[in-house]
Amino acid sequence: MTDTDVLHHDLNAFDAACQRLYSDGLLSEETLVRLHAVVHREAWEMETLRHLEN
């Protein structure tokens, strides 16, 4: 598995966990959207930097 595959797997797991929290009423929709945006933006930036370094 490549680093990119691991990152995508981890993001999918994160998204699923957040969705469960939202479905259980433990996370508001606004917080869900904000978390998703921040985590995915940071992951994209990290992946972009990794590609630029190689």
C-alpha atoms as a PDB file:
ATOM      1  CA  MET A   1       0.000   0.000   0.000  1.00  0.00           C
ATOM      2  CA  THR A   2       1.358   3.428  -0.911  1.00  0.00           C
ATOM      3  CA  ASP A   3       1.359   6.469   1.364  1.00  0.00           C
ATOM      4  CA  THR A   4      -1.494   7.875  -0.726  1.00  0.00           C
ATOM      5  CA  ASP A   5      -3.522   4.685  -0.270  1.00  0.00           C
ATOM      6  CA  VAL A   6      -2.984   4.824   3.484  1.00  0.00           C
ATOM      7  CA  LEU A   7      -4.009   8.483   3.574  1.00  0.00           C
ATOM      8  CA  HIS A   8      -7.209   7.781   1.633  1.00  0.00           C
ATOM      9  CA  HIS A   9      -7.985   4.809   3.874  1.00  0.00           C
ATOM     10  CA  ASP A  10      -7.463   6.942   6.979  1.00  0.00           C
ATOM     11  CA  LEU A  11      -9.630   9.756   5.571  1.00  0.00           C
ATOM     12  CA  ASN A  12     -12.413   7.293   4.790  1.00  0.00           C
ATOM     13  CA  ALA A  13     -12.216   5.906   8.328  1.00  0.00           C
ATOM     14  CA  PHE A  14     -12.267   9.436   9.758  1.00  0.00           C
ATOM     15  CA  ASP A  15     -15.285  10.350   7.638  1.00  0.00           C
ATOM     16  CA  ALA A  16     -17.132   7.209   8.728  1.00  0.00           C
ATOM     17  CA  ALA A  17     -16.394   7.888  12.408  1.00  0.00           C
ATOM     18  CA  CYS A  18     -17.594  11.482  12.111  1.00  0.00           C
ATOM     19  CA  GLN A  19     -20.728  10.346  10.309  1.00  0.00           C
ATOM     20  CA  ARG A  20     -21.463   7.895  13.142  1.00  0.00           C
ATOM     21  CA  LEU A  21     -21.050  10.680  15.702  1.00  0.00           C
ATOM     22  CA  TYR A  22     -23.377  12.888  13.664  1.00  0.00           C
ATOM     23  CA  SER A  23     -25.937  10.091  13.260  1.00  0.00           C
ATOM     24  CA  ASP A  24     -25.844   9.462  17.012  1.00  0.00           C
ATOM     25  CA  GLY A  25     -26.491  13.148  17.682  1.00  0.00           C
ATOM     26  CA  LEU A  26     -23.062  13.721  19.216  1.00  0.00           C
ATOM     27  CA  LEU A  27     -21.813  16.027  16.462  1.00  0.00           C
ATOM     28  CA  SER A  28     -23.682  18.924  14.887  1.00  0.00           C
ATOM     29  CA  GLU A  29     -23.921  19.245  11.110  1.00  0.00           C
ATOM     30  CA  GLU A  30     -21.929  22.475  11.243  1.00  0.00           C
ATOM     31  CA  THR A  31     -19.124  20.811  13.200  1.00  0.00           C
ATOM     32  CA  LEU A  32     -19.175  17.813  10.869  1.00  0.00           C
ATOM     33  CA  VAL A  33     -18.785  20.055   7.826  1.00  0.00           C
ATOM     34  CA  ARG A  34     -16.015  22.107   9.443  1.00  0.00           C
ATOM     35  CA  LEU A  35     -14.071  19.041  10.576  1.00  0.00           C
ATOM     36  CA  HIS A  36     -14.351  17.483   7.140  1.00  0.00           C
ATOM     37  CA  ALA A  37     -13.154  20.670   5.449  1.00  0.00           C
ATOM     38  CA  VAL A  38     -10.144  21.173   7.735  1.00  0.00           C
ATOM     39  CA  VAL A  39      -8.989  17.547   7.761  1.00  0.00           C
ATOM     40  CA  HIS A  40      -9.377  17.041   4.018  1.00  0.00           C
ATOM     41  CA  ARG A  41      -7.701  20.386   3.213  1.00  0.00           C
ATOM     42  CA  GLU A  42      -4.738  19.515   5.431  1.00  0.00           C
ATOM     43  CA  ALA A  43      -4.501  16.052   3.885  1.00  0.00           C
ATOM     44  CA  TRP A  44      -4.567  17.554   0.387  1.00  0.00           C
ATOM     45  CA  GLU A  45      -1.833  20.051   1.327  1.00  0.00           C
ATOM     46  CA  MET A  46       0.284  17.292   2.865  1.00  0.00           C
ATOM     47  CA  GLU A  47      -0.132  15.130  -0.237  1.00  0.00           C
ATOM     48  CA  THR A  48       0.710  18.053  -2.524  1.00  0.00           C
ATOM     49  CA  LEU A  49       3.873  18.839  -0.582  1.00  0.00           C
ATOM     50  CA  ARG A  50       4.890  15.187  -0.631  1.00  0.00           C
ATOM     51  CA  HIS A  51       4.573  15.127  -4.427  1.00  0.00           C
ATOM     52  CA  LEU A  52       6.514  18.363  -4.805  1.00  0.00           C
ATOM     53  CA  GLU A  53       9.355  16.998  -2.679  1.00  0.00           C
ATOM     54  CA  ASN A  54       9.674  13.860  -4.823  1.00  0.00           C
END
